Amino acid sequence: MKYIVCEEPGKFLLKEKEAPVRKEKEALLRVKKVGICGTDLHATEMIENFDSWTKPATGVIKATVDFS
């Protein structure tokens, strides 16, 4: 899967890693589009620790697949 990380102030890198494995009673989502809110751009300054943010990656689930 692809992900973007800010490793230093103002520098974003596109990286790839193995997709996580879905566990029982969990959902695995494929996100097709993302955006960065203009009010969150201060995060690129890396003044605070943003690893613990709980903002959702997506707001609307359009389809589901049953893997059971």
PDB file of N, CA and C in Angstrom:
ATOM      1  N   MET A   1       0.844  -1.169   0.000  1.00  0.00           N
ATOM      2  CA  MET A   1       0.000   0.000   0.000  1.00  0.00           C
ATOM      3  C   MET A   1       0.889   1.232   0.000  1.00  0.00           C
ATOM      4  N   LYS A   2       0.373   2.318  -0.500  1.00  0.00           N
ATOM      5  CA  LYS A   2       1.114   3.572  -0.532  1.00  0.00           C
ATOM      6  C   LYS A   2       0.691   4.447   0.638  1.00  0.00           C
ATOM      7  N   TYR A   3       1.639   5.221   1.146  1.00  0.00           N
ATOM      8  CA  TYR A   3       1.336   6.178   2.196  1.00  0.00           C
ATOM      9  C   TYR A   3       2.282   7.367   2.067  1.00  0.00           C
ATOM     10  N   ILE A   4       1.898   8.467   2.656  1.00  0.00           N
ATOM     11  CA  ILE A   4       2.714   9.683   2.619  1.00  0.00           C
ATOM     12  C   ILE A   4       3.155   9.999   4.033  1.00  0.00           C
ATOM     13  N   VAL A   5       4.412  10.355   4.183  1.00  0.00           N
ATOM     14  CA  VAL A   5       4.951  10.691   5.494  1.00  0.00           C
ATOM     15  C   VAL A   5       5.706  12.017   5.397  1.00  0.00           C
ATOM     16  N   CYS A   6       5.621  12.797   6.449  1.00  0.00           N
ATOM     17  CA  CYS A   6       6.380  14.045   6.546  1.00  0.00           C
ATOM     18  C   CYS A   6       7.571  13.752   7.451  1.00  0.00           C
ATOM     19  N   GLU A   7       8.752  13.563   6.860  1.00  0.00           N
ATOM     20  CA  GLU A   7       9.930  13.164   7.628  1.00  0.00           C
ATOM     21  C   GLU A   7      10.695  14.341   8.207  1.00  0.00           C
ATOM     22  N   GLU A   8      10.524  15.496   7.610  1.00  0.00           N
ATOM     23  CA  GLU A   8      11.143  16.714   8.135  1.00  0.00           C
ATOM     24  C   GLU A   8      10.253  17.877   7.729  1.00  0.00           C
ATOM     25  N   PRO A   9      10.380  19.003   8.395  1.00  0.00           N
ATOM     26  CA  PRO A   9       9.477  20.127   8.106  1.00  0.00           C
ATOM     27  C   PRO A   9       9.389  20.444   6.611  1.00  0.00           C
ATOM     28  N   GLY A  10       8.152  20.406   6.089  1.00  0.00           N
ATOM     29  CA  GLY A  10       7.899  20.774   4.706  1.00  0.00           C
ATOM     30  C   GLY A  10       8.244  19.731   3.664  1.00  0.00           C
ATOM     31  N   LYS A  11       8.728  18.542   4.059  1.00  0.00           N
ATOM     32  CA  LYS A  11       9.146  17.528   3.090  1.00  0.00           C
ATOM     33  C   LYS A  11       8.276  16.277   3.227  1.00  0.00           C
ATOM     34  N   PHE A  12       7.447  16.025   2.201  1.00  0.00           N
ATOM     35  CA  PHE A  12       6.589  14.846   2.173  1.00  0.00           C
ATOM     36  C   PHE A  12       7.204  13.795   1.263  1.00  0.00           C
ATOM     37  N   LEU A  13       7.130  12.541   1.669  1.00  0.00           N
ATOM     38  CA  LEU A  13       7.633  11.439   0.856  1.00  0.00           C
ATOM     39  C   LEU A  13       6.525  10.421   0.634  1.00  0.00           C
ATOM     40  N   LEU A  14       6.399   9.936  -0.604  1.00  0.00           N
ATOM     41  CA  LEU A  14       5.465   8.866  -0.930  1.00  0.00           C
ATOM     42  C   LEU A  14       6.217   7.553  -0.766  1.00  0.00           C
ATOM     43  N   LYS A  15       5.689   6.668   0.082  1.00  0.00           N
ATOM     44  CA  LYS A  15       6.354   5.395   0.357  1.00  0.00           C
ATOM     45  C   LYS A  15       5.372   4.251   0.135  1.00  0.00           C
ATOM     46  N   GLU A  16       5.902   3.032   0.143  1.00  0.00           N
ATOM     47  CA  GLU A  16       5.070   1.834   0.029  1.00  0.00           C
ATOM     48  C   GLU A  16       5.450   0.858   1.121  1.00  0.00           C
ATOM     49  N   LYS A  17       4.449   0.094   1.579  1.00  0.00           N
ATOM     50  CA  LYS A  17       4.685  -0.976   2.543  1.00  0.00           C
ATOM     51  C   LYS A  17       3.615  -2.040   2.349  1.00  0.00           C
ATOM     52  N   GLU A  18       3.813  -3.172   2.985  1.00  0.00           N
ATOM     53  CA  GLU A  18       2.856  -4.271   2.912  1.00  0.00           C
ATOM     54  C   GLU A  18       1.527  -3.836   3.522  1.00  0.00           C
ATOM     55  N   ALA A  19       0.434  -4.170   2.858  1.00  0.00           N
ATOM     56  CA  ALA A  19      -0.890  -3.836   3.383  1.00  0.00           C
ATOM     57  C   ALA A  19      -1.145  -4.630   4.659  1.00  0.00           C
ATOM     58  N   PRO A  20      -1.839  -4.044   5.620  1.00  0.00           N
ATOM     59  CA  PRO A  20      -2.137  -4.775   6.857  1.00  0.00           C
ATOM     60  C   PRO A  20      -3.101  -5.931   6.598  1.00  0.00           C
ATOM     61  N   VAL A  21      -3.049  -6.920   7.453  1.00  0.00           N
ATOM     62  CA  VAL A  21      -3.949  -8.064   7.356  1.00  0.00           C
ATOM     63  C   VAL A  21      -5.173  -7.783   8.218  1.00  0.00           C
ATOM     64  N   ARG A  22      -6.354  -7.986   7.640  1.00  0.00           N
ATOM     65  CA  ARG A  22      -7.592  -7.747   8.379  1.00  0.00           C
ATOM     66  C   ARG A  22      -7.775  -8.828   9.429  1.00  0.00           C
ATOM     67  N   LYS A  23      -8.028  -8.402  10.655  1.00  0.00           N
ATOM     68  CA  LYS A  23      -8.290  -9.335  11.748  1.00  0.00           C
ATOM     69  C   LYS A  23      -9.796  -9.532  11.894  1.00  0.00           C
ATOM     70  N   GLU A  24     -10.178 -10.577  12.619  1.00  0.00           N
ATOM     71  CA  GLU A  24     -11.588 -10.858  12.850  1.00  0.00           C
ATOM     72  C   GLU A  24     -12.258  -9.662  13.519  1.00  0.00           C
ATOM     73  N   LYS A  25     -13.442  -9.339  13.062  1.00  0.00           N
ATOM     74  CA  LYS A  25     -14.251  -8.227  13.571  1.00  0.00           C
ATOM     75  C   LYS A  25     -13.621  -6.861  13.301  1.00  0.00           C
ATOM     76  N   GLU A  26     -12.741  -6.788  12.313  1.00  0.00           N
ATOM     77  CA  GLU A  26     -12.163  -5.519  11.883  1.00  0.00           C
ATOM     78  C   GLU A  26     -12.544  -5.265  10.430  1.00  0.00           C
ATOM     79  N   ALA A  27     -12.419  -4.027  10.018  1.00  0.00           N
ATOM     80  CA  ALA A  27     -12.656  -3.652   8.625  1.00  0.00           C
ATOM     81  C   ALA A  27     -11.341  -3.181   8.022  1.00  0.00           C
ATOM     82  N   LEU A  28     -11.111  -3.531   6.789  1.00  0.00           N
ATOM     83  CA  LEU A  28      -9.948  -3.055   6.051  1.00  0.00           C
ATOM     84  C   LEU A  28     -10.483  -2.216   4.905  1.00  0.00           C
ATOM     85  N   LEU A  29     -10.118  -0.951   4.869  1.00  0.00           N
ATOM     86  CA  LEU A  29     -10.660  -0.019   3.883  1.00  0.00           C
ATOM     87  C   LEU A  29      -9.642   0.277   2.797  1.00  0.00           C
ATOM     88  N   ARG A  30     -10.120   0.398   1.569  1.00  0.00           N
ATOM     89  CA  ARG A  30      -9.284   0.875   0.465  1.00  0.00           C
ATOM     90  C   ARG A  30      -9.683   2.322   0.231  1.00  0.00           C
ATOM     91  N   VAL A  31      -8.761   3.225   0.501  1.00  0.00           N
ATOM     92  CA  VAL A  31      -9.018   4.655   0.351  1.00  0.00           C
ATOM     93  C   VAL A  31      -8.562   5.054  -1.044  1.00  0.00           C
ATOM     94  N   LYS A  32      -9.469   5.620  -1.833  1.00  0.00           N
ATOM     95  CA  LYS A  32      -9.152   5.985  -3.212  1.00  0.00           C
ATOM     96  C   LYS A  32      -8.686   7.425  -3.356  1.00  0.00           C
ATOM     97  N   LYS A  33      -9.156   8.301  -2.480  1.00  0.00           N
ATOM     98  CA  LYS A  33      -8.777   9.712  -2.562  1.00  0.00           C
ATOM     99  C   LYS A  33      -8.590  10.265  -1.157  1.00  0.00           C
ATOM    100  N   VAL A  34      -7.636  11.164  -1.014  1.00  0.00           N
ATOM    101  CA  VAL A  34      -7.419  11.838   0.266  1.00  0.00           C
ATOM    102  C   VAL A  34      -7.145  13.311   0.002  1.00  0.00           C
ATOM    103  N   GLY A  35      -7.194  14.078   1.030  1.00  0.00           N
ATOM    104  CA  GLY A  35      -6.868  15.493   0.925  1.00  0.00           C
ATOM    105  C   GLY A  35      -6.278  15.978   2.236  1.00  0.00           C
ATOM    106  N   ILE A  36      -5.579  17.071   2.166  1.00  0.00           N
ATOM    107  CA  ILE A  36      -5.027  17.699   3.363  1.00  0.00           C
ATOM    108  C   ILE A  36      -5.776  18.996   3.578  1.00  0.00           C
ATOM    109  N   CYS A  37      -6.365  19.127   4.737  1.00  0.00           N
ATOM    110  CA  CYS A  37      -7.108  20.333   5.078  1.00  0.00           C
ATOM    111  C   CYS A  37      -6.131  21.498   5.239  1.00  0.00           C
ATOM    112  N   GLY A  38      -6.474  22.629   4.700  1.00  0.00           N
ATOM    113  CA  GLY A  38      -5.619  23.803   4.820  1.00  0.00           C
ATOM    114  C   GLY A  38      -5.328  24.190   6.255  1.00  0.00           C
ATOM    115  N   THR A  39      -6.268  23.910   7.155  1.00  0.00           N
ATOM    116  CA  THR A  39      -6.032  24.238   8.563  1.00  0.00           C
ATOM    117  C   THR A  39      -5.064  23.270   9.221  1.00  0.00           C
ATOM    118  N   ASP A  40      -4.743  22.156   8.556  1.00  0.00           N
ATOM    119  CA  ASP A  40      -3.802  21.184   9.110  1.00  0.00           C
ATOM    120  C   ASP A  40      -2.384  21.352   8.567  1.00  0.00           C
ATOM    121  N   LEU A  41      -2.171  22.308   7.697  1.00  0.00           N
ATOM    122  CA  LEU A  41      -0.841  22.470   7.104  1.00  0.00           C
ATOM    123  C   LEU A  41       0.229  22.807   8.138  1.00  0.00           C
ATOM    124  N   HIS A  42      -0.176  23.332   9.294  1.00  0.00           N
ATOM    125  CA  HIS A  42       0.804  23.618  10.341  1.00  0.00           C
ATOM    126  C   HIS A  42       1.484  22.335  10.825  1.00  0.00           C
ATOM    127  N   ALA A  43       0.865  21.185  10.590  1.00  0.00           N
ATOM    128  CA  ALA A  43       1.458  19.909  11.002  1.00  0.00           C
ATOM    129  C   ALA A  43       2.776  19.655  10.275  1.00  0.00           C
ATOM    130  N   THR A  44       2.957  20.223   9.092  1.00  0.00           N
ATOM    131  CA  THR A  44       4.203  20.016   8.347  1.00  0.00           C
ATOM    132  C   THR A  44       5.387  20.695   9.017  1.00  0.00           C
ATOM    133  N   GLU A  45       5.120  21.588   9.962  1.00  0.00           N
ATOM    134  CA  GLU A  45       6.213  22.228  10.699  1.00  0.00           C
ATOM    135  C   GLU A  45       6.778  21.300  11.766  1.00  0.00           C
ATOM    136  N   MET A  46       6.050  20.213  12.070  1.00  0.00           N
ATOM    137  CA  MET A  46       6.483  19.177  13.001  1.00  0.00           C
ATOM    138  C   MET A  46       6.818  19.723  14.387  1.00  0.00           C
ATOM    139  N   ILE A  47       6.055  20.696  14.839  1.00  0.00           N
ATOM    140  CA  ILE A  47       6.268  21.262  16.169  1.00  0.00           C
ATOM    141  C   ILE A  47       5.680  20.332  17.235  1.00  0.00           C
ATOM    142  N   GLU A  48       4.550  19.702  16.921  1.00  0.00           N
ATOM    143  CA  GLU A  48       3.883  18.794  17.850  1.00  0.00           C
ATOM    144  C   GLU A  48       4.005  17.361  17.356  1.00  0.00           C
ATOM    145  N   ASN A  49       3.718  16.406  18.244  1.00  0.00           N
ATOM    146  CA  ASN A  49       3.695  14.996  17.859  1.00  0.00           C
ATOM    147  C   ASN A  49       2.304  14.662  17.333  1.00  0.00           C
ATOM    148  N   PHE A  50       2.194  14.384  16.047  1.00  0.00           N
ATOM    149  CA  PHE A  50       0.902  14.102  15.435  1.00  0.00           C
ATOM    150  C   PHE A  50       0.675  12.606  15.221  1.00  0.00           C
ATOM    151  N   ASP A  51       1.548  11.746  15.771  1.00  0.00           N
ATOM    152  CA  ASP A  51       1.381  10.301  15.614  1.00  0.00           C
ATOM    153  C   ASP A  51       0.107   9.786  16.264  1.00  0.00           C
ATOM    154  N   SER A  52      -0.386  10.495  17.259  1.00  0.00           N
ATOM    155  CA  SER A  52      -1.549   9.993  17.993  1.00  0.00           C
ATOM    156  C   SER A  52      -2.859  10.620  17.520  1.00  0.00           C
ATOM    157  N   TRP A  53      -2.846  11.294  16.387  1.00  0.00           N
ATOM    158  CA  TRP A  53      -4.086  11.879  15.869  1.00  0.00           C
ATOM    159  C   TRP A  53      -5.103  10.790  15.609  1.00  0.00           C
ATOM    160  N   THR A  54      -6.350  11.105  15.834  1.00  0.00           N
ATOM    161  CA  THR A  54      -7.406  10.123  15.585  1.00  0.00           C
ATOM    162  C   THR A  54      -8.379  10.618  14.523  1.00  0.00           C
ATOM    163  N   LYS A  55      -7.922  11.460  13.627  1.00  0.00           N
ATOM    164  CA  LYS A  55      -8.787  11.934  12.546  1.00  0.00           C
ATOM    165  C   LYS A  55      -9.062  10.790  11.579  1.00  0.00           C
ATOM    166  N   PRO A  56     -10.293  10.661  11.117  1.00  0.00           N
ATOM    167  CA  PRO A  56     -10.602   9.564  10.194  1.00  0.00           C
ATOM    168  C   PRO A  56      -9.951   9.770   8.830  1.00  0.00           C
ATOM    169  N   ALA A  57      -9.575   8.656   8.201  1.00  0.00           N
ATOM    170  CA  ALA A  57      -9.002   8.720   6.858  1.00  0.00           C
ATOM    171  C   ALA A  57     -10.090   8.873   5.812  1.00  0.00           C
ATOM    172  N   THR A  58     -11.291   8.480   6.150  1.00  0.00           N
ATOM    173  CA  THR A  58     -12.396   8.548   5.207  1.00  0.00           C
ATOM    174  C   THR A  58     -13.685   8.827   5.962  1.00  0.00           C
ATOM    175  N   GLY A  59     -14.627   9.413   5.291  1.00  0.00           N
ATOM    176  CA  GLY A  59     -15.872   9.734   5.960  1.00  0.00           C
ATOM    177  C   GLY A  59     -17.078   8.999   5.417  1.00  0.00           C
ATOM    178  N   VAL A  60     -16.967   8.406   4.227  1.00  0.00           N
ATOM    179  CA  VAL A  60     -18.105   7.737   3.604  1.00  0.00           C
ATOM    180  C   VAL A  60     -17.657   6.367   3.104  1.00  0.00           C
ATOM    181  N   ILE A  61     -18.379   5.331   3.490  1.00  0.00           N
ATOM    182  CA  ILE A  61     -18.125   3.983   2.976  1.00  0.00           C
ATOM    183  C   ILE A  61     -19.162   3.727   1.884  1.00  0.00           C
ATOM    184  N   LYS A  62     -18.698   3.528   0.640  1.00  0.00           N
ATOM    185  CA  LYS A  62     -19.625   3.383  -0.486  1.00  0.00           C
ATOM    186  C   LYS A  62     -19.986   1.938  -0.782  1.00  0.00           C
ATOM    187  N   ALA A  63     -19.136   0.981  -0.403  1.00  0.00           N
ATOM    188  CA  ALA A  63     -19.421  -0.415  -0.708  1.00  0.00           C
ATOM    189  C   ALA A  63     -18.748  -1.300   0.331  1.00  0.00           C
ATOM    190  N   THR A  64     -19.297  -2.473   0.533  1.00  0.00           N
ATOM    191  CA  THR A  64     -18.703  -3.430   1.461  1.00  0.00           C
ATOM    192  C   THR A  64     -18.561  -4.784   0.783  1.00  0.00           C
ATOM    193  N   VAL A  65     -17.632  -5.582   1.297  1.00  0.00           N
ATOM    194  CA  VAL A  65     -17.423  -6.944   0.821  1.00  0.00           C
ATOM    195  C   VAL A  65     -17.360  -7.837   2.052  1.00  0.00           C
ATOM    196  N   ASP A  66     -18.060  -8.954   2.033  1.00  0.00           N
ATOM    197  CA  ASP A  66     -18.038  -9.891   3.149  1.00  0.00           C
ATOM    198  C   ASP A  66     -16.929 -10.910   2.916  1.00  0.00           C
ATOM    199  N   PHE A  67     -15.935 -10.932   3.798  1.00  0.00           N
ATOM    200  CA  PHE A  67     -14.804 -11.842   3.661  1.00  0.00           C
ATOM    201  C   PHE A  67     -14.951 -13.099   4.511  1.00  0.00           C
ATOM    202  N   SER A  68     -16.104 -13.305   5.143  1.00  0.00           N
ATOM    203  CA  SER A  68     -16.243 -14.463   6.037  1.00  0.00           C
ATOM    204  C   SER A  68     -16.379 -15.767   5.279  1.00  0.00           C
TER     205      SER A  68
END
